[in-house]
Amino acid sequence: MEQEGASLDELARQEGSSHPYVSSMIKLAYLAPDTTQAILDRTQPTSLTLADLMKRDIPASRADQRGAFGFLQDFQESISVRWESHNCVTEPKMHIGATCS
């Protein structure tokens, strides 16, 4: 069977980098598009840093990524803040489609 593509060692050598560095950079390609866009827009959760991403396993599921990287918490907090800003009762939490009276 013929093998296509370069090994990580070959890629590292071509780029003048180490195998672990190339491996870490490749896994960033598996970030969900909205996560990548948030990083480019600098709107990602403050706890999500490049150093953090390089050390962690990146979940395969986009939903799992959002939870693991703090996007769901930020979303829930922003909903709560918007709900409070309209002088609505915050408990129970607002449901999508709910309106203030």
N, C-alpha and C. Protein backbone atom coordinates (compact mmCIF):
# COMPACT_ATOMS: atom_id res chain seq x y z
N MET A 1 0.84 -1.17 0.00
CA MET A 1 0.00 0.00 0.00
C MET A 1 0.89 1.24 0.00
N GLU A 2 0.63 2.16 -0.91
CA GLU A 2 1.42 3.38 -1.01
C GLU A 2 0.90 4.42 -0.02
N GLN A 3 1.81 5.05 0.70
CA GLN A 3 1.43 6.05 1.70
C GLN A 3 1.59 7.45 1.10
N GLU A 4 0.56 8.29 1.28
CA GLU A 4 0.62 9.66 0.78
C GLU A 4 0.80 10.61 1.94
N GLY A 5 1.38 11.77 1.66
CA GLY A 5 1.55 12.79 2.68
C GLY A 5 2.84 12.60 3.45
N ALA A 6 3.16 13.63 4.19
CA ALA A 6 4.40 13.63 4.97
C ALA A 6 4.12 13.24 6.41
N SER A 7 5.09 12.63 7.04
CA SER A 7 4.96 12.31 8.46
C SER A 7 5.18 13.58 9.26
N LEU A 8 4.82 13.53 10.53
CA LEU A 8 5.04 14.69 11.40
C LEU A 8 6.53 15.03 11.48
N ASP A 9 7.36 14.01 11.50
CA ASP A 9 8.80 14.26 11.54
C ASP A 9 9.26 14.99 10.28
N GLU A 10 8.72 14.58 9.12
CA GLU A 10 9.08 15.24 7.87
C GLU A 10 8.58 16.68 7.84
N LEU A 11 7.35 16.89 8.29
CA LEU A 11 6.80 18.25 8.35
C LEU A 11 7.64 19.13 9.28
N ALA A 12 8.00 18.59 10.43
CA ALA A 12 8.80 19.34 11.39
C ALA A 12 10.15 19.72 10.78
N ARG A 13 10.75 18.78 10.12
CA ARG A 13 12.05 19.03 9.50
C ARG A 13 11.92 20.11 8.42
N GLN A 14 10.90 20.02 7.59
CA GLN A 14 10.67 21.00 6.53
C GLN A 14 10.45 22.41 7.10
N GLU A 15 9.78 22.49 8.24
CA GLU A 15 9.45 23.78 8.83
C GLU A 15 10.51 24.25 9.83
N GLY A 16 11.51 23.42 10.08
CA GLY A 16 12.53 23.78 11.05
C GLY A 16 12.00 23.81 12.47
N SER A 17 11.03 22.94 12.74
CA SER A 17 10.38 22.88 14.05
C SER A 17 10.53 21.48 14.63
N SER A 18 10.02 21.31 15.83
CA SER A 18 10.06 20.00 16.47
C SER A 18 8.77 19.23 16.20
N HIS A 19 8.84 17.93 16.35
CA HIS A 19 7.68 17.05 16.19
C HIS A 19 6.54 17.48 17.13
N PRO A 20 6.81 17.69 18.45
CA PRO A 20 5.72 18.09 19.34
C PRO A 20 5.06 19.42 18.95
N TYR A 21 5.85 20.37 18.47
CA TYR A 21 5.29 21.66 18.07
C TYR A 21 4.36 21.49 16.87
N VAL A 22 4.81 20.75 15.86
CA VAL A 22 3.98 20.52 14.67
C VAL A 22 2.71 19.77 15.05
N SER A 23 2.83 18.80 15.91
CA SER A 23 1.66 18.05 16.36
C SER A 23 0.66 18.97 17.05
N SER A 24 1.15 19.86 17.90
CA SER A 24 0.28 20.81 18.60
C SER A 24 -0.41 21.76 17.63
N MET A 25 0.33 22.23 16.64
CA MET A 25 -0.24 23.16 15.68
C MET A 25 -1.30 22.48 14.80
N ILE A 26 -1.07 21.25 14.44
CA ILE A 26 -2.04 20.52 13.61
C ILE A 26 -3.36 20.36 14.34
N LYS A 27 -3.31 20.10 15.63
CA LYS A 27 -4.57 19.91 16.35
C LYS A 27 -5.41 21.17 16.39
N LEU A 28 -4.79 22.35 16.23
CA LEU A 28 -5.55 23.60 16.17
C LEU A 28 -6.45 23.66 14.94
N ALA A 29 -6.12 22.88 13.92
CA ALA A 29 -6.96 22.82 12.72
C ALA A 29 -8.32 22.20 13.01
N TYR A 30 -8.45 21.52 14.13
CA TYR A 30 -9.71 20.87 14.49
C TYR A 30 -10.60 21.75 15.37
N LEU A 31 -10.21 23.00 15.57
CA LEU A 31 -11.09 23.91 16.30
C LEU A 31 -12.33 24.19 15.48
N ALA A 32 -13.46 24.30 16.15
CA ALA A 32 -14.71 24.65 15.46
C ALA A 32 -14.55 26.02 14.80
N PRO A 33 -15.15 26.22 13.64
CA PRO A 33 -15.01 27.50 12.95
C PRO A 33 -15.41 28.71 13.80
N ASP A 34 -16.48 28.58 14.60
CA ASP A 34 -16.89 29.71 15.43
C ASP A 34 -15.88 29.98 16.55
N THR A 35 -15.20 28.95 17.02
CA THR A 35 -14.15 29.13 18.02
C THR A 35 -12.97 29.86 17.39
N THR A 36 -12.58 29.44 16.21
CA THR A 36 -11.49 30.10 15.49
C THR A 36 -11.84 31.56 15.23
N GLN A 37 -13.08 31.82 14.79
CA GLN A 37 -13.50 33.19 14.51
C GLN A 37 -13.48 34.05 15.77
N ALA A 38 -13.93 33.49 16.88
CA ALA A 38 -13.91 34.24 18.14
C ALA A 38 -12.48 34.61 18.53
N ILE A 39 -11.54 33.70 18.31
CA ILE A 39 -10.13 33.98 18.61
C ILE A 39 -9.62 35.09 17.70
N LEU A 40 -9.94 35.02 16.42
CA LEU A 40 -9.50 36.06 15.47
C LEU A 40 -10.13 37.42 15.80
N ASP A 41 -11.38 37.40 16.28
CA ASP A 41 -12.08 38.63 16.65
C ASP A 41 -11.74 39.11 18.06
N ARG A 42 -10.97 38.29 18.77
CA ARG A 42 -10.59 38.57 20.16
C ARG A 42 -11.80 38.65 21.09
N THR A 43 -12.79 37.80 20.81
CA THR A 43 -13.99 37.75 21.64
C THR A 43 -14.11 36.43 22.39
N GLN A 44 -13.05 35.62 22.35
CA GLN A 44 -13.09 34.34 23.05
C GLN A 44 -13.07 34.59 24.56
N PRO A 45 -13.51 33.61 25.36
CA PRO A 45 -13.41 33.75 26.81
C PRO A 45 -11.97 34.06 27.22
N THR A 46 -11.81 34.91 28.22
CA THR A 46 -10.46 35.31 28.64
C THR A 46 -9.63 34.13 29.10
N SER A 47 -10.28 33.07 29.52
CA SER A 47 -9.54 31.89 29.98
C SER A 47 -8.98 31.06 28.82
N LEU A 48 -9.41 31.35 27.60
CA LEU A 48 -8.97 30.58 26.44
C LEU A 48 -7.76 31.26 25.80
N THR A 49 -6.59 30.69 26.05
CA THR A 49 -5.35 31.25 25.52
C THR A 49 -4.67 30.22 24.62
N LEU A 50 -3.74 30.69 23.82
CA LEU A 50 -2.99 29.77 22.97
C LEU A 50 -2.24 28.76 23.81
N ALA A 51 -1.63 29.22 24.90
CA ALA A 51 -0.90 28.29 25.78
C ALA A 51 -1.83 27.20 26.30
N ASP A 52 -3.05 27.58 26.65
CA ASP A 52 -4.05 26.62 27.14
C ASP A 52 -4.41 25.63 26.04
N LEU A 53 -4.66 26.13 24.84
CA LEU A 53 -5.03 25.25 23.72
C LEU A 53 -3.91 24.27 23.37
N MET A 54 -2.67 24.73 23.45
CA MET A 54 -1.54 23.88 23.09
C MET A 54 -1.36 22.73 24.09
N LYS A 55 -1.79 22.92 25.33
CA LYS A 55 -1.63 21.89 26.36
C LYS A 55 -2.78 20.90 26.40
N ARG A 56 -3.95 21.31 25.93
CA ARG A 56 -5.17 20.52 26.11
C ARG A 56 -5.48 19.66 24.91
N ASP A 57 -6.27 18.64 25.18
CA ASP A 57 -6.87 17.88 24.08
C ASP A 57 -8.05 18.70 23.58
N ILE A 58 -8.25 18.71 22.30
CA ILE A 58 -9.37 19.45 21.71
C ILE A 58 -10.49 18.47 21.44
N PRO A 59 -11.65 18.67 22.09
CA PRO A 59 -12.77 17.76 21.86
C PRO A 59 -13.18 17.75 20.39
N ALA A 60 -13.64 16.62 19.91
CA ALA A 60 -14.05 16.50 18.51
C ALA A 60 -15.35 17.24 18.24
N SER A 61 -16.26 17.20 19.18
CA SER A 61 -17.57 17.82 19.01
C SER A 61 -17.48 19.33 19.23
N ARG A 62 -18.15 20.08 18.37
CA ARG A 62 -18.18 21.54 18.53
C ARG A 62 -18.86 21.92 19.84
N ALA A 63 -19.92 21.24 20.19
CA ALA A 63 -20.61 21.53 21.45
C ALA A 63 -19.69 21.26 22.64
N ASP A 64 -18.95 20.16 22.57
CA ASP A 64 -18.01 19.85 23.65
C ASP A 64 -16.90 20.89 23.73
N GLN A 65 -16.46 21.39 22.56
CA GLN A 65 -15.45 22.45 22.55
C GLN A 65 -15.98 23.70 23.24
N ARG A 66 -17.20 24.09 22.90
CA ARG A 66 -17.79 25.29 23.51
C ARG A 66 -17.84 25.17 25.02
N GLY A 67 -18.22 24.01 25.50
CA GLY A 67 -18.27 23.79 26.95
C GLY A 67 -16.89 23.77 27.57
N ALA A 68 -15.96 23.05 26.94
CA ALA A 68 -14.61 22.91 27.50
C ALA A 68 -13.85 24.23 27.50
N PHE A 69 -14.11 25.09 26.52
CA PHE A 69 -13.35 26.33 26.39
C PHE A 69 -14.05 27.53 27.00
N GLY A 70 -15.21 27.33 27.61
CA GLY A 70 -15.87 28.42 28.33
C GLY A 70 -16.86 29.24 27.55
N PHE A 71 -17.18 28.85 26.31
CA PHE A 71 -18.13 29.63 25.53
C PHE A 71 -19.55 29.52 26.08
N LEU A 72 -19.94 28.35 26.53
CA LEU A 72 -21.31 28.19 27.05
C LEU A 72 -21.51 29.02 28.30
N GLN A 73 -20.51 29.06 29.17
CA GLN A 73 -20.62 29.85 30.39
C GLN A 73 -20.75 31.33 30.03
N ASP A 74 -19.94 31.82 29.10
CA ASP A 74 -20.02 33.21 28.67
C ASP A 74 -21.39 33.51 28.08
N PHE A 75 -21.94 32.58 27.28
CA PHE A 75 -23.25 32.77 26.68
C PHE A 75 -24.33 32.85 27.76
N GLN A 76 -24.28 31.92 28.71
CA GLN A 76 -25.27 31.91 29.78
C GLN A 76 -25.20 33.19 30.61
N GLU A 77 -23.97 33.67 30.89
CA GLU A 77 -23.81 34.90 31.66
C GLU A 77 -24.33 36.10 30.88
N SER A 78 -24.11 36.14 29.57
CA SER A 78 -24.58 37.27 28.78
C SER A 78 -26.10 37.29 28.71
N ILE A 79 -26.73 36.11 28.64
CA ILE A 79 -28.20 36.04 28.67
C ILE A 79 -28.71 36.56 29.99
N SER A 80 -28.07 36.15 31.08
CA SER A 80 -28.49 36.58 32.41
C SER A 80 -28.35 38.09 32.55
N VAL A 81 -27.25 38.65 32.07
CA VAL A 81 -27.02 40.09 32.16
C VAL A 81 -28.07 40.83 31.34
N ARG A 82 -28.35 40.37 30.11
CA ARG A 82 -29.36 41.03 29.29
C ARG A 82 -30.73 40.95 29.96
N TRP A 83 -31.02 39.82 30.57
CA TRP A 83 -32.30 39.61 31.24
C TRP A 83 -32.42 40.60 32.39
N GLU A 84 -31.36 40.74 33.18
CA GLU A 84 -31.36 41.67 34.31
C GLU A 84 -31.46 43.11 33.84
N SER A 85 -30.86 43.44 32.72
CA SER A 85 -30.87 44.82 32.24
C SER A 85 -32.27 45.27 31.82
N HIS A 86 -33.17 44.33 31.61
CA HIS A 86 -34.55 44.66 31.27
C HIS A 86 -35.45 44.63 32.49
N ASN A 87 -34.85 44.64 33.69
CA ASN A 87 -35.58 44.65 34.95
C ASN A 87 -36.54 43.48 35.09
N CYS A 88 -36.14 42.35 34.58
CA CYS A 88 -36.95 41.14 34.68
C CYS A 88 -36.47 40.32 35.86
N VAL A 89 -37.32 39.48 36.36
CA VAL A 89 -36.93 38.57 37.42
C VAL A 89 -35.95 37.57 36.83
N THR A 90 -34.82 37.35 37.54
CA THR A 90 -33.79 36.48 36.97
C THR A 90 -33.94 35.03 37.39
N GLU A 91 -34.80 34.72 38.33
CA GLU A 91 -34.99 33.33 38.73
C GLU A 91 -36.45 32.97 38.48
N PRO A 92 -36.77 31.96 37.76
CA PRO A 92 -35.87 31.08 37.06
C PRO A 92 -35.22 31.77 35.87
N LYS A 93 -34.17 31.18 35.36
CA LYS A 93 -33.45 31.75 34.23
C LYS A 93 -34.38 31.92 33.04
N MET A 94 -34.07 32.93 32.24
CA MET A 94 -34.87 33.19 31.05
C MET A 94 -34.81 32.03 30.09
N HIS A 95 -35.92 31.72 29.51
CA HIS A 95 -35.97 30.68 28.46
C HIS A 95 -35.98 31.40 27.12
N ILE A 96 -35.37 30.79 26.14
CA ILE A 96 -35.35 31.39 24.80
C ILE A 96 -36.79 31.63 24.38
N GLY A 97 -37.06 32.82 23.92
CA GLY A 97 -38.40 33.17 23.49
C GLY A 97 -39.24 33.82 24.58
N ALA A 98 -38.75 33.84 25.82
CA ALA A 98 -39.51 34.46 26.90
C ALA A 98 -39.47 35.97 26.74
N THR A 99 -40.48 36.65 27.23
CA THR A 99 -40.51 38.10 27.15
C THR A 99 -40.74 38.68 28.54
N CYS A 100 -40.29 39.91 28.73
CA CYS A 100 -40.49 40.62 30.01
C CYS A 100 -41.85 41.28 29.97
N SER A 101 -42.48 41.39 31.12
CA SER A 101 -43.75 42.10 31.13
C SER A 101 -43.64 43.31 32.01
